[in-house]
Protein backbone atom coordinates (compact mmCIF):
# COMPACT_ATOMS: atom_id res chain seq x y z
CA MET A 1 72.24 192.24 123.51
CA ASN A 2 68.84 192.98 121.93
CA ILE A 3 68.23 194.74 118.63
CA LYS A 4 67.91 198.20 120.20
CA ARG A 5 71.23 197.96 122.07
CA ALA A 6 72.92 196.33 119.06
CA THR A 7 71.80 199.20 116.82
CA LYS A 8 73.05 201.84 119.25
CA SER A 9 76.38 200.04 119.67
CA TYR A 10 76.90 199.62 115.94
CA GLU A 11 75.98 203.20 115.10
CA THR A 12 78.34 204.49 117.78
CA TRP A 13 81.11 202.38 116.23
CA LEU A 14 80.15 203.55 112.73
CA ALA A 15 80.40 207.20 113.76
CA GLU A 16 83.98 206.50 114.79
CA GLN A 17 84.75 205.29 111.25
CA THR A 18 83.05 207.94 109.11
CA LEU A 19 80.97 211.12 109.17
CA ILE A 20 77.32 210.17 109.80
CA VAL A 21 74.33 211.83 108.09
CA PRO A 22 71.82 211.98 111.00
CA ALA A 23 68.71 212.60 108.87
CA ASP A 24 69.45 209.52 106.76
CA LEU A 25 70.02 207.41 109.85
CA ALA A 26 66.67 208.54 111.30
CA ARG A 27 64.97 207.64 108.03
CA LYS A 28 66.60 204.23 108.17
CA HIS A 29 65.11 203.68 111.64
CA ASP A 30 61.69 204.57 110.21
CA TYR A 31 62.09 202.05 107.40
CA MET A 32 63.05 199.37 109.92
CA ALA A 33 59.67 199.81 111.62
CA GLN A 34 57.50 199.40 108.50
CA GLY A 35 54.61 197.05 109.15
CA LYS A 36 53.47 196.24 105.63
CA ALA A 37 54.19 192.94 103.85
CA SER A 38 57.62 194.05 102.68
CA GLY A 39 58.58 195.43 106.09
CA LEU A 40 60.45 192.36 107.26
CA PHE A 41 62.52 192.27 104.07
CA VAL A 42 63.34 195.98 104.44
CA PHE A 43 64.35 195.39 108.07
CA PHE A 44 66.60 192.53 106.97
CA ARG A 45 68.28 194.79 104.40
CA ALA A 46 68.76 197.57 106.96
CA THR A 47 70.29 195.51 109.76
CA PHE A 48 73.25 193.66 108.34
CA TYR A 49 75.23 194.54 111.46
CA ARG A 50 72.75 192.52 113.50
CA TRP A 51 73.07 189.58 111.10
CA ALA A 52 76.83 189.65 111.59
CA GLN A 53 76.23 189.47 115.33
CA LEU A 54 73.58 186.72 115.27
CA TRP A 55 74.77 184.34 112.56
CA PRO A 56 77.72 182.76 114.41
CA LYS A 57 75.51 182.20 117.46
CA ARG A 58 72.48 180.80 115.64
CA CYS A 59 74.49 178.68 113.19
CA PRO A 60 77.63 177.80 115.21
CA GLU A 61 78.46 174.63 113.30
CA LEU A 62 78.31 176.45 109.95
CA SER A 63 80.57 179.19 111.28
CA LYS A 64 83.38 176.60 111.44
CA ALA A 65 83.27 175.88 107.69
CA PRO A 66 86.28 176.71 105.47
CA ALA A 67 86.85 180.45 105.18
CA LEU A 68 87.49 182.59 102.14
CA LEU A 69 87.05 186.14 100.86
CA ALA A 70 83.26 186.60 100.83
CA VAL A 71 80.71 189.26 99.91
CA GLY A 72 79.49 189.41 103.51
CA ASP A 73 76.20 191.18 102.81
CA LEU A 74 74.93 188.92 100.04
CA HIS A 75 71.19 189.00 99.32
CA VAL A 76 68.79 188.74 96.39
CA GLU A 77 68.79 192.50 95.77
CA ASN A 78 72.58 192.77 95.79
CA PHE A 79 72.79 192.07 92.07
CA GLY A 80 72.80 194.47 89.17
CA THR A 81 74.09 195.34 85.72
CA TRP A 82 77.02 197.37 84.42
CA HIS A 83 79.14 197.79 81.29
CA ASN A 84 82.67 196.44 81.13
CA ALA A 85 85.62 198.13 79.42
CA GLU A 86 84.42 196.86 76.03
CA GLY A 87 80.91 198.26 76.53
CA GLN A 88 79.38 194.81 77.03
CA LEU A 89 76.47 194.47 79.44
CA VAL A 90 77.36 192.42 82.54
CA TRP A 91 75.27 191.07 85.43
CA GLY A 92 76.48 190.11 88.88
CA VAL A 93 76.95 191.07 92.52
CA ASN A 94 76.55 194.82 92.83
CA ASP A 95 77.86 195.81 96.29
CA PHE A 96 80.90 194.65 98.25
CA ASP A 97 80.90 197.12 101.14
CA GLU A 98 80.88 194.35 103.77
CA ALA A 99 83.53 192.11 102.20
CA ALA A 100 85.33 189.99 104.78
CA ILE A 101 87.14 186.70 105.34
CA LEU A 102 84.26 184.41 106.33
CA PRO A 103 83.13 180.79 106.17
CA TYR A 104 81.81 180.17 102.65
CA THR A 105 78.50 179.18 104.27
CA ALA A 106 77.93 182.77 105.46
CA ASP A 107 77.21 184.05 101.94
CA LEU A 108 75.06 181.06 101.01
CA VAL A 109 72.91 181.22 104.15
CA ARG A 110 72.39 184.98 103.83
CA LEU A 111 71.44 184.67 100.17
CA ALA A 112 69.00 181.84 100.91
CA THR A 113 67.52 183.69 103.90
CA SER A 114 66.97 186.80 101.80
CA ALA A 115 65.09 184.76 99.19
CA ASN A 116 62.99 183.23 101.95
CA LEU A 117 62.06 186.69 103.24
CA ALA A 118 61.47 188.00 99.71
CA ILE A 119 58.83 185.29 99.25
CA ARG A 120 57.11 186.48 102.43
CA ALA A 121 57.16 190.02 101.01
CA ASP A 122 55.63 188.84 97.70
CA LEU A 123 58.77 189.88 95.84
CA LEU A 124 59.53 186.33 94.66
CA ASP A 125 57.20 183.57 93.53
CA ILE A 126 58.98 180.23 93.90
CA PRO A 127 58.59 177.20 96.21
CA ARG A 128 61.05 177.56 99.07
CA ARG A 129 62.64 174.16 98.47
CA LYS A 130 63.50 175.31 94.95
CA ILE A 131 65.43 178.29 96.31
CA TYR A 132 67.92 176.13 98.16
CA GLU A 133 68.16 173.55 95.38
CA HIS A 134 68.97 176.10 92.67
CA ILE A 135 71.34 178.22 94.76
CA LEU A 136 73.39 175.17 95.75
CA ASN A 137 73.35 173.68 92.24
CA GLY A 138 74.54 176.96 90.73
CA TYR A 139 77.21 177.37 93.42
CA LEU A 140 78.56 173.85 92.98
CA GLU A 141 78.59 174.12 89.18
CA GLY A 142 80.46 177.40 89.43
CA LEU A 143 83.13 176.02 91.75
CA ARG A 144 83.60 172.85 89.73
CA THR A 145 83.94 174.63 86.38
CA GLY A 146 86.16 177.47 87.53
CA GLY A 147 83.59 180.25 87.26
CA HIS A 148 81.47 181.89 84.60
CA ARG A 149 81.25 185.62 83.87
CA TYR A 150 77.70 186.78 83.15
CA VAL A 151 78.37 188.88 80.03
CA LEU A 152 74.95 189.38 78.45
CA ASN A 153 75.81 190.66 74.98
CA ASP A 154 75.83 187.28 73.27
CA GLN A 155 74.39 184.88 75.84
CA HIS A 156 71.86 184.61 78.69
CA GLU A 157 69.15 186.34 76.69
CA TRP A 158 66.64 185.48 79.44
CA LEU A 159 68.72 187.42 81.97
CA ARG A 160 69.05 190.39 79.64
CA ARG A 161 65.26 190.46 79.15
CA LEU A 162 64.71 190.08 82.89
CA THR A 163 66.97 192.93 83.93
CA THR A 164 66.46 195.47 81.12
CA MET A 165 64.06 198.33 81.83
CA SER A 166 61.45 199.32 79.29
CA ALA A 167 62.04 202.65 77.57
CA ASP A 168 59.34 204.25 79.74
CA ARG A 169 60.89 202.95 82.96
CA GLN A 170 64.35 204.08 81.86
CA ALA A 171 62.99 207.57 81.19
CA GLN A 172 61.24 207.61 84.58
CA TRP A 173 64.40 206.42 86.39
CA LEU A 174 66.47 209.13 84.74
CA LYS A 175 63.88 211.86 85.34
CA GLU A 176 63.66 211.05 89.05
CA LEU A 177 67.42 211.33 89.35
CA LEU A 178 67.75 214.52 87.29
CA ASP A 179 64.89 216.14 89.23
CA LEU A 180 66.72 215.82 92.56
CA PRO A 181 67.56 219.25 94.01
CA THR A 182 71.13 220.45 94.08
CA ALA A 183 72.72 219.62 97.44
CA GLN A 184 73.14 222.57 99.77
CA GLU A 185 75.50 220.84 102.19
CA PRO A 186 79.25 221.27 101.78
CA VAL A 187 80.79 218.36 99.90
CA PRO A 188 84.11 217.04 101.21
CA PRO A 189 86.95 218.16 98.91
CA GLY A 190 88.19 214.58 98.67
CA ALA A 191 84.81 213.41 97.36
CA LEU A 192 84.75 216.21 94.77
CA ALA A 193 88.24 215.32 93.57
CA VAL A 194 87.28 211.67 93.12
CA LEU A 195 84.05 212.56 91.29
CA GLU A 196 85.89 214.89 88.92
CA ARG A 197 88.38 212.16 88.03
CA LEU A 198 85.47 209.88 87.09
CA MET A 199 83.98 212.30 84.58
CA PRO A 200 84.35 211.52 80.83
CA GLU A 201 86.51 214.63 80.30
CA PRO A 202 88.32 217.17 82.49
CA ASN A 203 86.69 220.39 83.70
CA LEU A 204 83.18 219.25 82.82
CA PRO A 205 80.55 221.36 84.68
CA TYR A 206 78.38 219.34 87.06
CA ARG A 207 76.06 219.70 90.00
CA ILE A 208 75.89 217.56 93.15
CA VAL A 209 72.73 215.90 94.45
CA ARG A 210 72.04 213.60 97.38
CA ARG A 211 70.46 210.33 96.24
CA GLU A 212 68.83 207.86 98.60
CA ALA A 213 69.80 204.32 97.68
CA GLY A 214 69.95 201.02 99.47
CA THR A 215 68.90 200.63 103.08
CA GLY A 216 71.82 199.23 104.99
CA SER A 217 74.15 202.07 103.97
CA LEU A 218 71.74 204.86 104.94
CA GLY A 219 73.55 207.20 107.30
CA ARG A 220 76.80 207.17 105.34
CA GLN A 221 77.73 210.00 103.01
CA ARG A 222 76.72 209.50 99.37
CA TRP A 223 77.32 212.19 96.74
CA THR A 224 76.12 212.05 93.14
CA ALA A 225 77.50 214.32 90.39
CA ILE A 226 75.36 215.03 87.32
CA ALA A 227 76.92 216.53 84.21
CA THR A 228 75.96 216.78 80.55
CA TRP A 229 78.38 215.26 78.07
CA GLN A 230 77.75 215.15 74.32
CA GLY A 231 74.10 216.00 74.95
CA GLN A 232 73.49 213.16 77.43
CA PRO A 233 73.62 212.88 81.24
CA ALA A 234 76.91 211.68 82.72
CA ILE A 235 76.28 210.55 86.30
CA ARG A 236 78.96 209.50 88.80
CA GLU A 237 78.64 208.65 92.47
CA VAL A 238 80.84 208.19 95.52
CA LYS A 239 79.87 206.55 98.79
CA ALA A 240 81.85 206.58 102.02
CA LEU A 241 83.58 203.25 102.54
CA VAL A 242 83.95 201.89 106.06
CA PRO A 243 85.23 198.62 107.54
CA SER A 244 82.83 195.69 107.47
CA ALA A 245 80.27 195.27 110.24
CA TRP A 246 81.72 191.78 110.69
CA LEU A 247 84.64 193.47 112.47
CA TRP A 248 82.27 195.28 114.83
CA ALA A 249 80.33 192.08 115.56
CA ALA A 250 83.49 190.08 116.23
CA GLN A 251 84.99 192.94 118.25
CA GLN A 252 88.06 192.83 116.07
CA LYS A 253 90.49 195.64 115.54
CA VAL A 254 89.47 197.84 112.62
CA ASN A 255 91.65 197.47 109.56
CA GLU A 256 91.42 198.38 105.89
CA THR A 257 88.43 197.22 103.90
CA LEU A 258 88.75 194.21 101.61
CA VAL A 259 86.58 195.61 98.83
CA GLY A 260 89.42 196.37 96.46
CA THR A 261 91.00 192.97 97.04
CA LEU A 262 87.75 191.15 96.34
CA LEU A 263 87.07 193.16 93.18
CA SER A 264 90.51 192.36 91.80
CA ARG A 265 90.41 188.62 92.59
CA ALA A 266 86.86 187.49 91.81
CA VAL A 267 85.91 185.87 88.51
CA ARG A 268 84.00 188.75 86.93
CA SER A 269 84.05 191.18 84.02
CA PRO A 270 84.91 194.37 85.91
CA ASP A 271 83.05 197.65 85.91
CA PRO A 272 85.81 200.18 85.13
CA TYR A 273 84.00 202.83 87.16
CA VAL A 274 83.86 200.83 90.39
CA ARG A 275 86.98 201.72 92.32
CA VAL A 276 88.15 202.20 95.87
CA GLU A 277 89.80 205.57 96.15
CA ALA A 278 90.70 207.73 99.15
CA GLY A 279 88.03 206.26 101.43
CA TRP A 280 85.27 206.29 98.81
CA ILE A 281 83.80 203.62 96.56
CA THR A 282 82.80 204.91 93.15
CA ARG A 283 80.44 203.97 90.35
CA ARG A 284 78.79 205.20 87.17
CA LEU A 285 74.99 205.40 87.22
CA ALA A 286 72.68 204.87 84.25
CA PRO A 287 69.41 203.02 83.57
CA ASP A 288 71.48 199.94 82.66
CA ASN A 289 74.19 200.54 85.29
CA ARG A 290 72.29 200.00 88.49
CA ARG A 291 71.17 197.59 91.18
CA VAL A 292 68.17 195.55 90.04
CA ASN A 293 65.16 195.63 92.38
CA LEU A 294 63.04 192.49 92.67
CA ASP A 295 59.83 194.48 92.35
CA THR A 296 60.83 195.45 88.80
CA LEU A 297 61.31 191.82 87.70
CA SER A 298 58.78 189.35 86.41
CA ASN A 299 58.63 185.90 88.00
CA THR A 300 59.03 184.14 84.64
CA TYR A 301 62.65 183.15 85.23
CA THR A 302 62.80 182.94 89.03
CA GLU A 303 64.31 179.45 89.16
CA GLN A 304 66.98 180.35 86.61
CA LEU A 305 67.71 183.52 88.60
CA MET A 306 68.30 181.58 91.83
CA TYR A 307 70.71 179.28 89.98
CA ALA A 308 72.52 182.27 88.48
CA MET A 309 72.83 183.90 91.90
CA GLY A 310 74.37 180.73 93.29
CA ARG A 311 76.79 180.54 90.37
CA GLU A 312 77.73 184.21 90.72
CA THR A 313 78.44 183.55 94.42
CA ALA A 314 80.92 180.91 93.26
CA ASN A 315 82.50 183.51 90.95
CA ILE A 316 83.24 185.64 94.01
CA HIS A 317 84.50 182.77 96.15
CA LEU A 318 86.82 181.59 93.38
CA GLY A 319 88.85 184.68 94.20
CA SER A 320 90.21 182.49 97.04
CA PRO A 321 91.48 179.53 94.96
CA GLU A 322 93.44 178.07 97.87
CA ALA A 323 90.16 177.42 99.73
CA ILE A 324 88.06 175.81 97.00
CA GLU A 325 89.14 172.19 97.49
CA ALA A 326 88.30 172.40 101.21
CA VAL A 327 84.95 174.03 100.41
CA LEU A 328 84.01 171.23 98.00
CA ARG A 329 84.94 168.59 100.57
CA ASP A 330 82.92 170.37 103.23
CA LEU A 331 79.89 170.69 100.96
CA ALA A 332 80.01 166.99 100.07
CA ALA A 333 80.01 166.05 103.77
CA ARG A 334 77.05 168.25 104.72
CA PRO A 335 73.72 166.50 105.40
CA PRO A 336 70.71 167.19 103.16
CA GLY A 337 68.69 170.13 104.37
CA TRP A 338 71.52 172.07 105.98
CA LEU A 339 70.87 175.22 103.91
CA PRO A 340 67.06 175.41 104.34
CA ASP A 341 67.43 174.67 108.05
CA ALA A 342 69.95 177.48 108.50
CA ALA A 343 67.94 179.90 106.35
CA GLN A 344 64.79 179.21 108.35
CA THR A 345 66.69 179.67 111.63
CA MET A 346 68.02 183.04 110.52
CA ALA A 347 64.70 184.17 109.03
CA GLN A 348 63.06 183.53 112.40
CA ALA A 349 65.81 185.41 114.24
CA ILE A 350 65.33 188.42 111.94
CA ALA A 351 61.53 188.24 112.36
CA ASP A 352 61.87 188.24 116.16
CA ASP A 353 64.12 191.31 116.05
CA TRP A 354 61.75 193.08 113.67
CA LYS A 355 58.78 192.54 116.01
CA GLU A 356 60.79 193.82 118.96
CA TRP A 357 61.99 196.88 117.03
CA ARG A 358 58.45 197.73 115.93
CA ARG A 359 57.04 197.35 119.45
CA ASP A 360 59.67 199.70 120.84
CA TYR A 361 59.19 202.12 117.93
CA GLU A 362 55.43 202.26 118.44
CA ARG A 363 55.85 202.86 122.18
CA LYS A 364 58.05 205.84 121.39
CA GLY A 365 55.17 207.06 119.21
């Protein structure tokens, strides 16, 4: 099955799980055909379903590694900041939509591949060998020490400086969101009920906008409510939650998502606004409650960031404590170079699909 047929098959399956937004899906197809330097990275972000299909075939030996509850769609732009229940700033994995029971290697290879492609897109400046070294070192340290929550209030000053927007950028981010037009489409009553429960007080007036975010989730419903509370914006969002694309790729029977399970079991300082409720996943949005884009970061701390991403991956995997001993044994037995070899294999597979998609897209004109 080539990329065109895989996309059609996946989107047909997706439409059976949730209401599709056709205009967003068409825009996603446009993004997948971008030819500029960042185009390959965008394509990678947009086609997780294809990754789920290709990875077991291209890395069959790695697909036999010990399994645990994994992020599934882990990549270098799936990290962000939020505030925990005590108001402390926290950094970590930002999106768990594709959570699944997978070999631990699946998350590590996808993370390493994404960093590889980000270098090609000039979004990261780091020698490739350093990527794999720091990701693995951080991952191993995390597993061996039982995890480490990235609470930034009194530690990791470098990470706070790296991820905090300037006042001007915060104002721009907020203005762009507040300037979005009020949505004209009917909002599902269930989504409205969830949004209202997230507001800081009952019966607070709000308006609904449609925000474009991410790439892989384009085509799913996303509704953002904007209110004013105590003179400041209060912004809440819901996104339709569907089963992981891993189920589609493996042709498994659709069951409930594992997002809530992963959120409750991982070693992390939770975001009290991230919940799974009535088929939606929720969050609070603010300049310091958001996914962090690589193009907004300096390259000053790139090596430390790769290590932190590896260690945060361990925080997630530690939610499956019964698997950790087997994972450590498996890691110790792996030959040097297994991660760069797998990342390069998958990067090439993604590049081949991207070229094919663009050729077909250009022929359609």
